[in-house]
N, C-alpha and C. Protein backbone atom coordinates (compact mmCIF):
# COMPACT_ATOMS: atom_id res chain seq x y z
N MET A 1 6.83 11.59 -37.47
CA MET A 1 7.77 11.22 -36.43
C MET A 1 7.23 11.72 -35.08
N GLU A 2 7.52 10.99 -34.02
CA GLU A 2 7.04 11.32 -32.68
C GLU A 2 8.17 11.85 -31.81
N CYS A 3 7.79 12.64 -30.78
CA CYS A 3 8.74 13.11 -29.78
C CYS A 3 9.29 11.88 -29.04
N LEU A 4 10.58 11.84 -28.83
CA LEU A 4 11.20 10.68 -28.17
C LEU A 4 10.81 10.55 -26.71
N ASP A 5 10.37 11.64 -26.08
CA ASP A 5 10.00 11.59 -24.67
C ASP A 5 8.50 11.39 -24.48
N CYS A 6 7.68 12.30 -25.00
CA CYS A 6 6.23 12.24 -24.72
C CYS A 6 5.43 11.58 -25.84
N GLU A 7 6.07 11.27 -26.96
CA GLU A 7 5.46 10.58 -28.10
C GLU A 7 4.35 11.36 -28.78
N LYS A 8 4.39 12.70 -28.69
CA LYS A 8 3.46 13.53 -29.45
C LYS A 8 3.93 13.57 -30.90
N GLU A 9 2.99 13.73 -31.80
CA GLU A 9 3.33 13.81 -33.23
C GLU A 9 4.02 15.14 -33.50
N LEU A 10 5.14 15.10 -34.23
CA LEU A 10 5.90 16.31 -34.55
C LEU A 10 5.70 16.67 -36.01
N ILE A 11 5.61 17.97 -36.28
CA ILE A 11 5.48 18.45 -37.66
C ILE A 11 6.90 18.71 -38.17
N GLN A 12 7.23 18.03 -39.26
CA GLN A 12 8.56 18.17 -39.85
C GLN A 12 8.50 19.15 -41.02
N ILE A 13 9.47 20.03 -41.11
CA ILE A 13 9.55 20.99 -42.20
C ILE A 13 10.56 20.46 -43.21
N PRO A 14 10.17 20.40 -44.50
CA PRO A 14 11.08 19.87 -45.51
C PRO A 14 12.37 20.72 -45.60
N LYS A 15 13.45 20.07 -45.90
CA LYS A 15 14.78 20.68 -46.06
C LYS A 15 15.31 21.30 -44.77
N LYS A 16 14.79 20.88 -43.64
CA LYS A 16 15.27 21.32 -42.34
C LYS A 16 15.70 20.09 -41.55
N ARG A 17 16.47 20.31 -40.51
CA ARG A 17 16.88 19.22 -39.65
C ARG A 17 15.64 18.62 -39.00
N LYS A 18 15.59 17.30 -38.92
CA LYS A 18 14.42 16.62 -38.35
C LYS A 18 14.36 16.86 -36.85
N LYS A 19 13.14 17.17 -36.36
CA LYS A 19 12.93 17.37 -34.93
C LYS A 19 12.83 16.01 -34.25
N GLU A 20 13.42 15.92 -33.07
CA GLU A 20 13.33 14.70 -32.28
C GLU A 20 12.47 14.91 -31.04
N PHE A 21 12.37 16.18 -30.57
CA PHE A 21 11.63 16.50 -29.36
C PHE A 21 10.70 17.67 -29.65
N CYS A 22 9.58 17.74 -28.91
CA CYS A 22 8.63 18.83 -29.15
C CYS A 22 9.07 20.12 -28.46
N ASN A 23 9.85 20.05 -27.38
CA ASN A 23 10.35 21.25 -26.71
C ASN A 23 11.58 20.89 -25.87
N SER A 24 12.13 21.92 -25.23
CA SER A 24 13.37 21.69 -24.46
C SER A 24 13.12 20.86 -23.20
N THR A 25 11.91 20.93 -22.65
CA THR A 25 11.59 20.12 -21.46
C THR A 25 11.65 18.63 -21.80
N CYS A 26 11.05 18.26 -22.92
CA CYS A 26 11.07 16.85 -23.34
C CYS A 26 12.50 16.40 -23.65
N ARG A 27 13.28 17.28 -24.28
CA ARG A 27 14.67 16.92 -24.59
C ARG A 27 15.45 16.69 -23.30
N SER A 28 15.27 17.58 -22.33
CA SER A 28 15.97 17.45 -21.06
C SER A 28 15.54 16.19 -20.32
N ASN A 29 14.23 15.93 -20.26
CA ASN A 29 13.71 14.73 -19.59
C ASN A 29 14.27 13.46 -20.21
N TYR A 30 14.29 13.42 -21.55
CA TYR A 30 14.76 12.24 -22.26
C TYR A 30 16.22 11.93 -21.90
N TRP A 31 17.08 12.96 -21.94
CA TRP A 31 18.50 12.72 -21.68
C TRP A 31 18.77 12.45 -20.21
N GLN A 32 17.97 13.02 -19.30
CA GLN A 32 18.14 12.70 -17.88
C GLN A 32 17.76 11.25 -17.61
N LYS A 33 16.68 10.78 -18.25
CA LYS A 33 16.29 9.37 -18.09
C LYS A 33 17.37 8.45 -18.65
N ALA A 34 17.95 8.84 -19.79
CA ALA A 34 19.00 8.03 -20.40
C ALA A 34 20.23 7.97 -19.49
N ASP A 35 20.59 9.10 -18.87
CA ASP A 35 21.74 9.12 -17.96
C ASP A 35 21.49 8.25 -16.74
N ARG A 36 20.26 8.34 -16.18
CA ARG A 36 19.93 7.52 -15.01
C ARG A 36 19.99 6.04 -15.35
N ALA A 37 19.47 5.68 -16.52
CA ALA A 37 19.49 4.27 -16.93
C ALA A 37 20.92 3.79 -17.09
N LYS A 38 21.78 4.65 -17.62
CA LYS A 38 23.18 4.28 -17.82
C LYS A 38 23.90 4.09 -16.48
N LYS A 39 23.59 4.98 -15.51
CA LYS A 39 24.22 4.88 -14.19
C LYS A 39 23.77 3.64 -13.43
N ASN A 40 22.54 3.20 -13.66
CA ASN A 40 21.98 2.07 -12.91
C ASN A 40 22.18 0.73 -13.60
N GLU A 41 23.03 0.68 -14.64
CA GLU A 41 23.25 -0.58 -15.35
C GLU A 41 23.83 -1.66 -14.46
N GLY A 42 24.77 -1.32 -13.58
CA GLY A 42 25.44 -2.31 -12.74
C GLY A 42 24.68 -2.68 -11.49
N VAL A 43 23.59 -1.97 -11.19
CA VAL A 43 22.83 -2.23 -9.97
C VAL A 43 21.83 -3.34 -10.24
N ILE A 44 21.80 -4.31 -9.38
CA ILE A 44 20.85 -5.42 -9.53
C ILE A 44 19.68 -5.13 -8.62
N LYS A 45 18.50 -4.93 -9.21
CA LYS A 45 17.32 -4.61 -8.43
C LYS A 45 16.53 -5.87 -8.10
N PRO A 46 15.85 -5.89 -6.97
CA PRO A 46 15.04 -7.05 -6.63
C PRO A 46 13.85 -7.17 -7.58
N LYS A 47 13.44 -8.41 -7.85
CA LYS A 47 12.35 -8.61 -8.80
C LYS A 47 10.98 -8.54 -8.15
N ASN A 48 10.85 -9.04 -6.95
CA ASN A 48 9.54 -9.08 -6.29
C ASN A 48 9.48 -8.03 -5.18
N VAL A 49 9.21 -6.80 -5.57
CA VAL A 49 9.11 -5.73 -4.60
C VAL A 49 7.63 -5.45 -4.36
N LYS A 50 7.24 -5.48 -3.09
CA LYS A 50 5.85 -5.23 -2.75
C LYS A 50 5.72 -3.82 -2.20
N LYS A 51 4.64 -3.13 -2.60
CA LYS A 51 4.39 -1.80 -2.10
C LYS A 51 3.88 -1.90 -0.67
N VAL A 52 4.35 -0.99 0.17
CA VAL A 52 3.95 -0.98 1.57
C VAL A 52 2.74 -0.06 1.72
N LYS A 53 1.70 -0.55 2.36
CA LYS A 53 0.52 0.27 2.60
C LYS A 53 0.53 0.75 4.05
N VAL A 54 0.22 2.02 4.21
CA VAL A 54 0.19 2.62 5.54
C VAL A 54 -1.23 2.50 6.08
N ASP A 55 -1.34 2.05 7.32
CA ASP A 55 -2.65 1.96 7.96
C ASP A 55 -3.12 3.38 8.27
N LYS A 56 -4.25 3.78 7.65
CA LYS A 56 -4.70 5.16 7.78
C LYS A 56 -5.19 5.49 9.19
N LYS A 57 -5.71 4.52 9.89
CA LYS A 57 -6.23 4.80 11.23
C LYS A 57 -5.10 5.06 12.22
N SER A 58 -4.13 4.19 12.26
CA SER A 58 -3.04 4.36 13.23
C SER A 58 -1.85 5.10 12.63
N LYS A 59 -1.82 5.24 11.32
CA LYS A 59 -0.74 5.92 10.59
C LYS A 59 0.62 5.35 10.94
N THR A 60 0.70 4.04 11.00
CA THR A 60 1.98 3.40 11.27
C THR A 60 2.42 2.64 10.02
N ILE A 61 3.70 2.56 9.86
CA ILE A 61 4.27 1.83 8.74
C ILE A 61 4.79 0.51 9.28
N PRO A 62 4.45 -0.61 8.61
CA PRO A 62 4.95 -1.89 9.08
C PRO A 62 6.48 -1.95 8.99
N PRO A 63 7.12 -2.77 9.82
CA PRO A 63 8.59 -2.84 9.79
C PRO A 63 9.09 -3.31 8.43
N LYS A 64 10.25 -2.78 8.04
CA LYS A 64 10.84 -3.13 6.75
C LYS A 64 11.47 -4.51 6.81
N PRO A 65 11.26 -5.33 5.76
CA PRO A 65 11.96 -6.61 5.71
C PRO A 65 13.44 -6.38 5.39
N GLU A 66 14.24 -7.42 5.50
CA GLU A 66 15.65 -7.30 5.15
C GLU A 66 15.80 -6.91 3.69
N SER A 67 16.82 -6.17 3.40
CA SER A 67 17.04 -5.68 2.05
C SER A 67 17.32 -6.83 1.10
N LYS A 68 16.77 -6.73 -0.11
CA LYS A 68 17.00 -7.74 -1.13
C LYS A 68 18.01 -7.27 -2.16
N TRP A 69 18.56 -6.06 -1.96
CA TRP A 69 19.54 -5.53 -2.90
C TRP A 69 20.84 -6.31 -2.77
N ILE A 70 21.46 -6.57 -3.89
CA ILE A 70 22.73 -7.27 -3.90
C ILE A 70 23.82 -6.23 -4.16
N VAL A 71 24.71 -6.09 -3.21
CA VAL A 71 25.78 -5.11 -3.32
C VAL A 71 27.10 -5.84 -3.32
N LYS A 72 27.90 -5.56 -4.34
CA LYS A 72 29.22 -6.18 -4.41
C LYS A 72 30.18 -5.37 -3.55
N GLU A 73 30.82 -6.03 -2.60
CA GLU A 73 31.76 -5.35 -1.72
C GLU A 73 33.15 -5.37 -2.35
N ARG A 74 33.78 -4.24 -2.33
CA ARG A 74 35.13 -4.13 -2.87
C ARG A 74 36.13 -4.39 -1.76
N PRO A 75 37.26 -5.04 -2.08
CA PRO A 75 38.27 -5.27 -1.05
C PRO A 75 38.94 -3.95 -0.67
N LYS A 76 39.32 -3.82 0.59
CA LYS A 76 40.00 -2.61 1.06
C LYS A 76 41.48 -2.73 0.77
N PRO A 77 42.09 -1.62 0.36
CA PRO A 77 43.52 -1.68 0.06
C PRO A 77 44.36 -1.88 1.33
N PRO A 78 45.50 -2.52 1.20
CA PRO A 78 46.39 -2.68 2.36
C PRO A 78 46.83 -1.32 2.88
N ALA A 79 46.98 -1.22 4.19
CA ALA A 79 47.28 0.06 4.83
C ALA A 79 48.67 0.59 4.47
N HIS A 80 49.60 -0.30 4.12
CA HIS A 80 50.97 0.14 3.85
C HIS A 80 51.14 0.78 2.47
N LEU A 81 50.13 0.66 1.58
CA LEU A 81 50.26 1.23 0.24
C LEU A 81 49.91 2.71 0.24
N SER A 82 50.65 3.48 -0.56
CA SER A 82 50.34 4.89 -0.74
C SER A 82 50.88 5.34 -2.09
N GLY A 83 50.39 6.47 -2.55
CA GLY A 83 50.88 7.06 -3.79
C GLY A 83 50.65 6.18 -5.00
N LEU A 84 51.70 5.99 -5.78
CA LEU A 84 51.61 5.25 -7.02
C LEU A 84 51.28 3.78 -6.79
N ALA A 85 51.82 3.19 -5.75
CA ALA A 85 51.54 1.78 -5.44
C ALA A 85 50.05 1.59 -5.14
N LEU A 86 49.45 2.54 -4.42
CA LEU A 86 48.02 2.47 -4.12
C LEU A 86 47.20 2.60 -5.39
N ARG A 87 47.58 3.52 -6.27
CA ARG A 87 46.86 3.71 -7.55
C ARG A 87 46.92 2.44 -8.40
N ILE A 88 48.08 1.80 -8.46
CA ILE A 88 48.23 0.56 -9.23
C ILE A 88 47.36 -0.54 -8.62
N TRP A 89 47.34 -0.63 -7.29
CA TRP A 89 46.52 -1.64 -6.62
C TRP A 89 45.04 -1.42 -6.94
N LYS A 90 44.58 -0.16 -6.90
CA LYS A 90 43.18 0.15 -7.20
C LYS A 90 42.85 -0.19 -8.65
N ASP A 91 43.74 0.10 -9.59
CA ASP A 91 43.50 -0.22 -10.99
C ASP A 91 43.38 -1.72 -11.22
N ASN A 92 44.16 -2.51 -10.50
CA ASN A 92 44.14 -3.96 -10.65
C ASN A 92 42.95 -4.61 -9.95
N ASN A 93 42.32 -3.90 -9.00
CA ASN A 93 41.21 -4.49 -8.22
C ASN A 93 39.88 -3.79 -8.47
N LYS A 94 39.64 -3.38 -9.68
CA LYS A 94 38.36 -2.73 -10.01
C LYS A 94 37.24 -3.75 -10.07
């Protein structure tokens, strides 16, 4: 069996719980990556992203093009709502 993070071969001891990670660093890295992936599920990333190269002689960065990220805008609640009515409105407009 291999470490789930770095894919190093793990030595398994019979009649013991199977190892999934080679050390605590790999375990931590694996679960942090999993959390980040879970948080970014709803974000739509652009497909054609080009890396920007900096001109070494003048050390200037070319101007950024318009953002290609798609962000869903949420409606703002009416100003007259407060308390429980505001909470109900937010629950209905998720």
